Amino acid sequence: MSNPVFLALDVPRLDAGKALIEKVKGHIGGVKLGMEFFYAHGAHGVHEIAHCGLPIFLDLKLHDIPNTVAGAMQAIHTLEPAIVTVHASGGQAMMEDAKAAAGENCKVVAVTMLTSLDQRDLTKAGVTGTPHDHVMRLAELAEASGLDGIVCSGQEVGAVHKQWKHGFFVVPGLRPAGSAAGDQKRTVTPRQARDDGASVLVIGRPISRALDPAEAARAIEATL
């Protein structure tokens, strides 16, 4: 992948989303469509964004019983996503069935620990160990389940890459140097994540909410 940057396009209006992509598509490698976008615009919206000519990452974070997740994966075949997410906490059987039901050219990656969570959040949820421990356990489970890779923060991707040499690693919650963290708690710069083994860099607000999105995307691309 020549440009690992995927723009997180979580916008309420489809026309605004398409206009944003037109501004920045020369400086990104793909588009991530999350739950906000998908629930607002559905399959029609995905097809409209696909007309822009960039790979589509459907960040749906599927998490249910194995049969239901497999059915959901089959239902999105017609959208031809390049990447789809499931939750690693759904367990091995769910992840195995998700991969088996995915399209031939679709990478299935497991969300480990959201970048908006930290040690205190894990403790409150009754999860033992550090965020690093938690991510490493779930990465091992995802690999054993036959998935293509995982989603993790830039703080863990280096260690996971050492453990899983040929994995496909998606890193969200990235912030260029000097950017506000917002609701993200475990952030690194795009360059650091890439150097540590990230395959895809998911970047949203630092581009979409910039005064000049094209310049913001170009500046990030230049650091890589």
Protein backbone atom coordinates (compact mmCIF):
# COMPACT_ATOMS: atom_id res chain seq x y z
CA MET A 1 0.00 0.00 0.00
CA SER A 2 1.74 3.14 -1.25
CA ASN A 3 -0.12 5.53 1.08
CA PRO A 4 -1.22 3.99 4.40
CA VAL A 5 -3.42 6.92 5.45
CA PHE A 6 -7.15 6.16 5.58
CA LEU A 7 -9.40 9.14 6.20
CA ALA A 8 -12.00 8.47 8.90
CA LEU A 9 -15.13 9.86 7.25
CA ASP A 10 -17.75 10.07 9.99
CA VAL A 11 -19.96 12.85 8.69
CA PRO A 12 -23.75 13.28 8.86
CA ARG A 13 -24.13 14.48 5.26
CA LEU A 14 -23.15 12.36 2.28
CA ASP A 15 -22.52 15.31 -0.02
CA ALA A 16 -20.16 16.86 2.51
CA GLY A 17 -18.28 13.58 2.80
CA LYS A 18 -17.86 13.27 -0.94
CA ALA A 19 -16.69 16.87 -1.18
CA LEU A 20 -14.09 16.29 1.53
CA ILE A 21 -12.71 13.23 -0.24
CA GLU A 22 -12.38 15.17 -3.48
CA LYS A 23 -10.27 17.73 -1.64
CA VAL A 24 -7.87 15.25 -0.03
CA LYS A 25 -7.87 12.12 -2.18
CA GLY A 26 -4.49 12.93 -3.68
CA HIS A 27 -2.95 12.63 -0.21
CA ILE A 28 -4.73 9.58 1.26
CA GLY A 29 -4.76 5.88 0.45
CA GLY A 30 -8.31 4.97 1.44
CA VAL A 31 -11.47 5.88 3.31
CA LYS A 32 -12.69 4.49 6.63
CA LEU A 33 -16.45 4.43 7.06
CA GLY A 34 -17.55 3.83 10.63
CA MET A 35 -20.83 3.17 12.37
CA GLU A 36 -21.96 6.80 12.30
CA PHE A 37 -21.64 6.92 8.52
CA PHE A 38 -23.04 3.45 7.90
CA TYR A 39 -26.08 3.91 10.11
CA ALA A 40 -26.82 7.25 8.47
CA HIS A 41 -26.26 6.31 4.83
CA GLY A 42 -26.25 2.50 4.59
CA ALA A 43 -25.15 0.52 1.57
CA HIS A 44 -26.10 3.37 -0.77
CA GLY A 45 -23.67 5.68 1.00
CA VAL A 46 -20.86 3.14 0.78
CA HIS A 47 -21.44 2.75 -2.98
CA GLU A 48 -21.39 6.53 -3.40
CA ILE A 49 -18.08 6.86 -1.57
CA ALA A 50 -16.64 3.94 -3.54
CA HIS A 51 -17.17 5.96 -6.73
CA CYS A 52 -14.32 8.17 -5.53
CA GLY A 53 -11.99 5.34 -6.49
CA LEU A 54 -10.32 4.66 -3.14
CA PRO A 55 -10.31 1.43 -1.07
CA ILE A 56 -13.08 1.27 1.51
CA PHE A 57 -12.51 0.23 5.12
CA LEU A 58 -15.82 -0.65 6.81
CA ASP A 59 -15.23 -0.14 10.51
CA LEU A 60 -18.41 -1.85 11.72
CA LYS A 61 -16.89 -3.57 14.77
CA LEU A 62 -19.12 -6.63 14.41
CA HIS A 63 -19.69 -8.38 17.73
CA ASP A 64 -22.38 -11.02 18.19
CA ILE A 65 -22.81 -14.78 18.12
CA PRO A 66 -20.79 -16.48 15.36
CA ASN A 67 -23.77 -17.20 13.11
CA THR A 68 -25.00 -13.60 13.21
CA VAL A 69 -21.57 -12.13 12.48
CA ALA A 70 -21.06 -14.55 9.59
CA GLY A 71 -24.42 -13.49 8.16
CA ALA A 72 -23.47 -9.83 8.47
CA MET A 73 -20.19 -10.47 6.66
CA GLN A 74 -22.03 -12.20 3.84
CA ALA A 75 -24.52 -9.34 3.62
CA ILE A 76 -21.78 -6.78 2.90
CA HIS A 77 -20.11 -8.79 0.10
CA THR A 78 -21.73 -6.53 -2.49
CA LEU A 79 -20.03 -3.49 -0.96
CA GLU A 80 -16.60 -5.03 -1.71
CA PRO A 81 -14.80 -3.57 1.31
CA ALA A 82 -11.04 -3.85 1.47
CA ILE A 83 -11.09 -4.12 5.29
CA VAL A 84 -13.78 -4.96 7.85
CA THR A 85 -13.51 -4.93 11.65
CA VAL A 86 -14.89 -7.34 14.24
CA HIS A 87 -14.36 -7.24 18.01
CA ALA A 88 -11.69 -9.64 19.27
CA SER A 89 -13.66 -9.99 22.51
CA GLY A 90 -16.31 -11.86 20.51
CA GLY A 91 -14.12 -14.94 20.81
CA GLN A 92 -12.34 -17.38 18.55
CA ALA A 93 -15.40 -19.07 17.04
CA MET A 94 -16.89 -15.70 16.07
CA MET A 95 -13.64 -14.53 14.49
CA GLU A 96 -13.16 -17.80 12.60
CA ASP A 97 -16.67 -17.60 11.18
CA ALA A 98 -16.25 -13.93 10.27
CA LYS A 99 -13.12 -14.68 8.27
CA ALA A 100 -14.71 -17.70 6.59
CA ALA A 101 -17.68 -15.59 5.50
CA ALA A 102 -15.67 -12.59 4.28
CA GLY A 103 -15.11 -11.76 0.64
CA GLU A 104 -12.03 -13.17 -1.05
CA ASN A 105 -10.22 -9.82 -1.18
CA CYS A 106 -11.40 -8.51 2.18
CA LYS A 107 -9.08 -8.32 5.17
CA VAL A 108 -10.77 -9.02 8.50
CA VAL A 109 -9.12 -7.36 11.48
CA ALA A 110 -10.03 -7.58 15.15
CA VAL A 111 -10.47 -4.55 17.38
CA THR A 112 -8.49 -5.17 20.57
CA MET A 113 -8.76 -2.15 22.88
CA LEU A 114 -10.29 1.16 21.87
CA THR A 115 -7.88 4.09 21.89
CA SER A 116 -10.34 6.05 24.04
CA LEU A 117 -9.72 3.60 26.92
CA ASP A 118 -6.87 3.42 29.41
CA GLN A 119 -5.80 1.42 32.47
CA ARG A 120 -8.55 2.84 34.69
CA ASP A 121 -11.21 1.85 32.18
CA LEU A 122 -9.91 -1.72 32.05
CA THR A 123 -9.91 -1.95 35.85
CA LYS A 124 -13.49 -0.69 36.07
CA ALA A 125 -14.52 -3.33 33.52
CA GLY A 126 -12.87 -6.10 35.55
CA VAL A 127 -10.07 -6.76 33.04
CA THR A 128 -6.77 -7.69 34.66
CA GLY A 129 -3.37 -6.52 33.53
CA THR A 130 -2.23 -3.48 31.60
CA PRO A 131 -3.54 -2.24 28.24
CA HIS A 132 -0.39 -3.76 26.72
CA ASP A 133 -1.18 -7.16 28.28
CA HIS A 134 -4.79 -7.00 27.12
CA VAL A 135 -3.89 -6.12 23.53
CA MET A 136 -1.23 -8.81 23.31
CA ARG A 137 -3.65 -11.49 24.56
CA LEU A 138 -6.30 -10.50 22.04
CA ALA A 139 -3.76 -10.24 19.22
CA GLU A 140 -2.67 -13.80 19.91
CA LEU A 141 -6.30 -14.93 19.86
CA ALA A 142 -6.96 -13.12 16.58
CA GLU A 143 -3.94 -14.73 14.95
CA ALA A 144 -5.04 -18.17 16.19
CA SER A 145 -8.48 -17.48 14.70
CA GLY A 146 -7.05 -16.97 11.23
CA LEU A 147 -7.71 -13.25 10.95
CA ASP A 148 -5.55 -10.98 8.86
CA GLY A 149 -4.61 -8.67 11.72
CA ILE A 150 -5.84 -6.40 14.47
CA VAL A 151 -6.69 -2.83 15.37
CA CYS A 152 -4.59 -1.43 18.21
CA SER A 153 -3.11 1.83 19.38
CA GLY A 154 0.29 3.03 18.28
CA GLN A 155 1.55 2.29 21.78
CA GLU A 156 1.16 -1.46 21.23
CA VAL A 157 1.70 -1.95 17.50
CA GLY A 158 5.47 -2.35 17.79
CA ALA A 159 5.20 -5.22 20.26
CA VAL A 160 2.41 -6.89 18.30
CA HIS A 161 4.42 -6.62 15.10
CA LYS A 162 7.32 -8.45 16.74
CA GLN A 163 4.96 -11.22 17.87
CA TRP A 164 2.99 -11.45 14.60
CA LYS A 165 5.51 -10.86 11.82
CA HIS A 166 3.11 -11.00 8.89
CA GLY A 167 0.05 -9.44 10.48
CA PHE A 168 -1.93 -6.51 9.10
CA PHE A 169 -2.11 -3.76 11.69
CA VAL A 170 -4.58 -0.88 11.72
CA VAL A 171 -3.74 2.01 14.05
CA PRO A 172 -6.39 4.66 14.85
CA GLY A 173 -6.31 7.55 17.31
CA LEU A 174 -3.29 9.13 15.65
CA ARG A 175 -2.40 12.75 16.20
CA PRO A 176 0.25 14.74 14.31
CA ALA A 177 2.74 16.51 16.56
CA GLY A 178 1.04 19.47 18.24
CA SER A 179 -2.53 18.30 17.61
CA ALA A 180 -5.16 18.12 20.35
CA ALA A 181 -5.80 14.58 21.66
CA GLY A 182 -9.56 15.10 22.02
CA ASP A 183 -11.21 11.97 23.43
CA GLN A 184 -8.22 9.78 22.60
CA LYS A 185 -6.08 8.59 25.53
CA ARG A 186 -3.35 6.46 23.91
CA THR A 187 -2.04 8.39 20.93
CA VAL A 188 1.17 8.54 18.90
CA THR A 189 2.13 10.38 15.72
CA PRO A 190 1.46 8.83 12.30
CA ARG A 191 5.19 8.56 11.65
CA GLN A 192 5.87 6.71 14.89
CA ALA A 193 3.04 4.24 14.22
CA ARG A 194 4.30 3.58 10.70
CA ASP A 195 7.87 3.06 11.91
CA ASP A 196 6.61 0.58 14.50
CA GLY A 197 4.86 -1.59 11.92
CA ALA A 198 1.40 -0.12 11.24
CA SER A 199 -0.08 -1.18 7.90
CA VAL A 200 -2.93 1.37 7.93
CA LEU A 201 -3.03 4.75 9.68
CA VAL A 202 -6.57 5.92 10.46
CA ILE A 203 -6.79 9.70 10.74
CA GLY A 204 -10.00 11.67 11.11
CA ARG A 205 -10.35 15.00 12.86
CA PRO A 206 -6.79 16.28 12.25
CA ILE A 207 -7.75 16.25 8.55
CA SER A 208 -11.54 16.58 8.42
CA ARG A 209 -11.73 19.47 10.90
CA ALA A 210 -8.67 21.34 9.68
CA LEU A 211 -9.15 24.80 8.16
CA ASP A 212 -7.52 23.40 5.01
CA PRO A 213 -8.09 19.61 4.91
CA ALA A 214 -6.01 19.13 1.78
CA GLU A 215 -3.02 20.90 3.31
CA ALA A 216 -3.43 18.93 6.57
CA ALA A 217 -3.50 15.64 4.66
CA ARG A 218 -0.52 16.68 2.54
CA ALA A 219 1.47 17.62 5.65
CA ILE A 220 0.76 14.23 7.25
CA GLU A 221 1.68 12.40 4.07
CA ALA A 222 4.97 14.31 3.93
CA THR A 223 5.99 12.94 7.35
CA LEU A 224 5.70 9.37 6.11
